[in-house]
Protein backbone atom coordinates (compact mmCIF):
# COMPACT_ATOMS: atom_id res chain seq x y z
CA MET A 1 166.70 78.23 129.37
CA GLN A 2 163.41 76.40 128.92
CA PRO A 3 160.19 77.89 127.55
CA ALA A 4 157.20 77.44 129.84
CA PRO A 5 155.41 74.77 129.33
CA ASP A 6 151.62 76.10 130.70
CA SER A 7 151.38 79.05 128.16
CA LEU A 8 148.77 79.84 125.80
CA GLU A 9 151.45 80.35 123.13
CA ARG A 10 154.10 77.99 123.73
CA LEU A 11 153.14 74.31 123.17
CA VAL A 12 156.19 72.11 124.36
CA PRO A 13 155.07 68.44 123.96
CA ASP A 14 157.29 66.63 126.35
CA ALA A 15 156.21 68.89 129.15
CA LEU A 16 152.40 68.78 128.88
CA ASP A 17 150.50 67.81 131.95
CA ALA A 18 148.70 64.52 131.56
CA ARG A 19 145.65 66.26 132.77
CA ASP A 20 145.66 69.31 130.23
CA THR A 21 143.07 67.92 127.83
CA THR A 22 143.04 71.07 126.36
CA GLY A 23 146.84 71.41 125.90
CA ARG A 24 146.81 67.72 124.47
CA ALA A 25 143.92 68.56 121.78
CA THR A 26 145.65 71.75 120.83
CA LEU A 27 148.81 69.90 119.90
CA GLU A 28 146.82 67.50 117.70
CA LEU A 29 145.52 70.41 115.82
CA HIS A 30 148.99 71.90 115.45
CA LEU A 31 150.32 68.32 114.20
CA ALA A 32 147.58 67.86 111.82
CA ARG A 33 148.11 71.40 110.58
CA TYR A 34 151.84 70.74 110.11
CA ASP A 35 150.94 67.06 108.32
CA PHE A 36 148.75 69.39 105.86
CA ALA A 37 151.82 71.94 105.26
CA ALA A 38 153.98 68.76 104.70
CA SER A 39 151.48 67.61 102.15
CA HIS A 40 152.37 70.97 100.09
CA LEU A 41 156.32 70.81 100.39
CA ARG A 42 158.28 71.58 97.74
CA PRO A 43 161.73 70.22 97.37
CA GLY A 44 164.67 72.87 98.61
CA ARG A 45 164.57 75.42 101.17
CA ALA A 46 161.21 75.66 103.67
CA LEU A 47 160.70 78.45 106.25
CA ASP A 48 158.79 77.60 109.27
CA ILE A 49 158.31 81.27 110.59
CA ALA A 50 157.27 81.30 114.33
CA CYS A 51 158.13 77.70 114.70
CA GLY A 52 157.76 77.45 118.56
CA VAL A 53 160.00 74.62 120.24
CA GLY A 54 160.63 72.87 116.72
CA TYR A 55 158.48 70.11 116.85
CA GLY A 56 156.85 70.99 113.46
CA THR A 57 159.98 72.18 111.86
CA ARG A 58 161.52 68.48 112.84
CA LEU A 59 157.99 67.11 111.40
CA LEU A 60 158.54 69.30 107.80
CA ALA A 61 162.23 68.02 107.55
CA GLU A 62 161.65 64.23 108.23
CA ARG A 63 158.61 64.44 105.39
CA GLY A 64 160.75 66.13 103.02
CA GLY A 65 163.74 63.75 103.23
CA GLY A 66 166.72 64.47 101.95
CA ALA A 67 165.11 66.75 99.41
CA LEU A 68 164.56 69.73 101.97
CA ARG A 69 166.11 71.70 104.34
CA VAL A 70 164.02 73.54 106.78
CA VAL A 71 164.86 76.83 108.75
CA GLY A 72 162.62 77.11 111.99
CA VAL A 73 162.43 80.54 113.29
CA ASP A 74 160.90 82.56 116.24
CA VAL A 75 161.38 85.32 118.51
CA SER A 76 161.92 83.45 121.75
CA ALA A 77 165.53 82.64 122.58
CA ALA A 78 164.17 79.92 125.12
CA ALA A 79 162.03 78.51 122.25
CA ILE A 80 164.96 78.27 120.01
CA HIS A 81 167.15 77.03 122.34
CA HIS A 82 164.72 74.03 123.39
CA ALA A 83 164.17 73.42 119.50
CA ARG A 84 168.15 73.16 119.03
CA GLU A 85 168.20 70.81 121.80
CA HIS A 86 165.11 68.44 121.25
CA TYR A 87 163.97 68.91 117.52
CA GLY A 88 167.68 69.38 115.81
CA GLY A 89 169.51 67.31 113.55
CA ALA A 90 170.31 67.04 109.72
CA GLY A 91 168.45 69.09 107.19
CA VAL A 92 167.11 71.83 110.42
CA GLU A 93 168.43 75.17 111.42
CA TYR A 94 167.22 77.54 113.91
CA ARG A 95 167.33 81.21 114.42
CA VAL A 96 166.42 83.76 116.33
CA CYS A 97 164.22 86.70 114.88
CA ASP A 98 161.36 88.64 114.89
CA ALA A 99 158.90 87.50 112.11
CA LEU A 100 158.44 90.90 110.46
CA ALA A 101 162.19 91.48 110.56
CA PHE A 102 163.21 87.89 109.21
CA GLU A 103 165.48 88.32 106.03
CA ASP A 104 166.98 85.76 104.06
CA PRO A 105 168.76 86.72 100.54
CA GLU A 106 168.29 83.05 99.31
CA GLY A 107 164.58 82.73 99.60
CA PHE A 108 162.31 79.58 100.19
CA ASP A 109 160.56 77.17 98.23
CA THR A 110 158.00 76.51 101.09
CA ILE A 111 157.03 78.88 103.84
CA VAL A 112 154.83 77.71 106.42
CA SER A 113 153.39 80.36 108.99
CA LEU A 114 151.15 78.43 111.48
CA GLU A 115 149.15 80.45 113.88
CA THR A 116 151.27 83.75 113.46
CA VAL A 117 149.38 86.10 111.58
CA GLU A 118 147.07 87.07 114.50
CA HIS A 119 149.83 87.94 116.73
CA VAL A 120 151.66 90.46 114.32
CA ARG A 121 151.01 94.02 114.76
CA ASP A 122 150.55 94.46 110.78
CA PRO A 123 149.31 91.21 109.58
CA GLY A 124 149.52 92.53 105.48
CA LEU A 125 153.32 93.58 105.88
CA LEU A 126 153.97 89.89 107.37
CA ILE A 127 152.27 88.35 104.21
CA ALA A 128 153.88 90.92 102.06
CA ARG A 129 157.42 89.98 103.41
CA LEU A 130 156.65 86.06 103.39
CA VAL A 131 155.64 86.32 99.56
CA GLY A 132 158.71 88.53 98.63
CA LEU A 133 160.86 85.48 100.48
CA LEU A 134 158.86 82.64 97.87
CA ARG A 135 161.57 81.39 95.32
CA PRO A 136 159.26 81.25 91.97
CA GLY A 137 156.35 78.70 92.14
CA GLY A 138 156.87 78.62 95.81
CA VAL A 139 154.30 77.68 98.24
CA LEU A 140 152.81 79.34 101.26
CA VAL A 141 150.69 77.70 104.06
CA ALA A 142 149.57 79.75 106.75
CA SER A 143 146.84 79.29 109.29
CA VAL A 144 144.42 81.52 111.58
CA PRO A 145 141.46 81.11 114.14
CA THR A 146 138.52 81.91 112.00
CA THR A 147 136.41 82.52 115.42
CA PRO A 148 137.11 85.22 117.84
CA SER A 149 140.08 85.19 119.95
CA VAL A 150 141.37 88.53 120.90
CA ASP A 151 139.26 88.98 123.77
CA LEU A 152 140.33 85.54 125.60
CA ASN A 153 143.81 85.60 124.33
CA PRO A 154 145.91 88.58 125.14
CA HIS A 155 148.69 87.37 122.70
CA HIS A 156 146.32 87.87 120.10
CA ARG A 157 145.87 91.50 117.89
CA HIS A 158 143.62 90.68 115.43
CA ASP A 159 140.44 88.25 114.86
CA PHE A 160 140.02 86.90 111.31
CA THR A 161 136.99 85.12 109.33
CA GLU A 162 137.77 82.79 106.49
CA ARG A 163 136.68 85.41 103.95
CA SER A 164 138.99 88.45 105.79
CA PHE A 165 141.99 85.75 105.84
CA ARG A 166 141.68 85.11 102.21
CA ARG A 167 141.42 88.50 101.44
CA LEU A 168 144.50 89.47 103.14
CA VAL A 169 146.66 87.07 100.61
CA ARG A 170 144.43 87.68 97.84
CA GLY A 171 146.35 90.89 96.02
CA HIS A 172 149.60 89.11 96.18
CA GLY A 173 149.10 86.69 92.91
CA LEU A 174 149.25 83.65 94.98
CA ALA A 175 146.65 80.56 93.73
CA GLU A 176 144.92 78.62 96.29
CA GLN A 177 145.92 74.95 96.07
CA GLY A 178 143.91 73.87 99.14
CA CYS A 179 142.32 74.25 102.45
CA LEU A 180 142.10 72.33 105.93
CA ARG A 181 139.24 73.54 108.43
CA GLN A 182 139.39 72.52 111.93
CA VAL A 183 137.12 72.64 114.92
CA GLN A 184 138.11 72.47 118.86
CA PRO A 185 135.15 72.15 120.97
CA VAL A 186 135.48 74.45 124.34
CA SER A 187 134.26 73.89 127.54
CA PRO A 188 132.94 76.87 129.24
CA LEU A 189 133.12 75.78 132.44
CA SER A 190 136.92 74.94 132.03
CA VAL A 191 137.38 78.30 130.76
CA LEU A 192 135.82 80.15 133.51
CA ARG A 193 137.28 78.10 136.40
CA ARG A 194 140.87 78.42 134.57
CA SER A 195 141.35 74.79 135.62
CA GLU A 196 143.92 73.81 133.41
CA ALA A 197 147.49 75.42 133.86
CA ARG A 198 147.65 76.77 130.66
CA MET A 199 143.97 78.98 130.92
CA GLY A 200 145.81 81.03 133.33
CA ASP A 201 147.01 82.74 130.53
CA LEU A 202 143.77 83.87 129.49
CA ARG A 203 142.72 87.54 129.71
CA ALA A 204 141.98 88.87 133.21
CA GLY A 205 139.09 91.43 133.88
CA LEU A 206 137.18 90.14 131.14
CA PRO A 207 134.06 92.00 131.83
CA ARG A 208 136.04 95.10 131.63
CA TYR A 209 137.31 94.63 128.54
CA TYR A 210 134.10 94.01 126.94
CA ALA A 211 132.50 97.42 128.45
CA SER A 212 135.70 99.04 126.72
CA HIS A 213 135.46 96.75 123.58
CA PRO A 214 131.79 96.28 122.80
CA GLY A 215 132.64 95.04 119.17
CA ALA A 216 134.66 92.25 120.85
CA LEU A 217 131.50 91.31 122.52
CA LEU A 218 129.17 91.16 119.52
CA ARG A 219 131.83 89.28 117.41
CA ARG A 220 131.87 86.68 120.64
CA LEU A 221 128.15 86.32 120.79
CA ALA A 222 127.52 85.99 117.10
CA ALA A 223 130.35 83.43 116.87
CA THR A 224 128.85 81.54 119.81
CA LEU A 225 125.05 81.58 118.44
CA ARG A 226 126.71 80.47 115.01
CA HIS A 227 129.23 77.60 115.99
CA GLY A 228 128.45 76.96 119.77
CA PHE A 229 131.46 76.65 122.01
CA SER A 230 134.10 75.72 119.65
CA ASN A 231 137.46 77.56 118.19
CA ARG A 232 137.83 77.18 114.71
CA TYR A 233 140.77 77.16 112.60
CA LEU A 234 141.78 77.43 109.08
CA THR A 235 144.82 76.78 107.17
CA VAL A 236 145.46 77.69 103.55
CA ALA A 237 148.14 76.66 101.09
CA TRP A 238 148.72 79.09 98.23
CA ARG A 239 151.23 79.05 95.06
CA ALA A 240 153.09 81.65 93.68
CA SER A 241 153.55 82.07 90.15
CA ALA A 242 156.51 81.34 88.05
CA GLU A 243 157.26 85.22 88.12
CA VAL A 244 157.05 85.74 91.87
CA GLY A 245 160.16 85.36 93.61
CA ALA A 246 162.70 86.84 96.24
């Protein structure tokens, strides 16, 4: 049981095609986000929610040393099987669960949720649940695309801007500790031709989609005029007060 290596939503580092330049660039962005998250780790327990195949979970455990135990959670049983086989070891535990259903009575000192919020039916509920899992003084690190993605990626349910993403967390009493902004150039020809295996996942029938979702077309045009052909991402670290906890 192995996760598909050529999906937009499931990076498998050891299965990336050498010709998949987009996939390799995306992996570099993901690793940079995990490095940022690792710089905000607190000793104790950490949660990597929607951990995929586990390479980031393993990175967090290694960066935390013996002072950290990490739980990686993903809805995909195939991804978790791969994680246990390739990125297990001391200090790491993997579980299969949907992010919106995950519970743990012990709580966590650090919670990492990278490229998750845009996928779920209720982003506000996810943030509330994650904040509820934080121990007092705990840190939440989360990221989203801040240029439109729903139109091209059928796995995404919500578009965010930097402002709307921060607003999602603002009411939970967390203080921002730092942020990481990333830019990924995009070749429009590669997208149109679907020249790499992962791009086969892109939304089919895009003209029909825009015809029935004119707001998505307007957001795409506005983002392209402002940022050119690029995807942009924001990762933010927030810290809970000493009174907030699971």
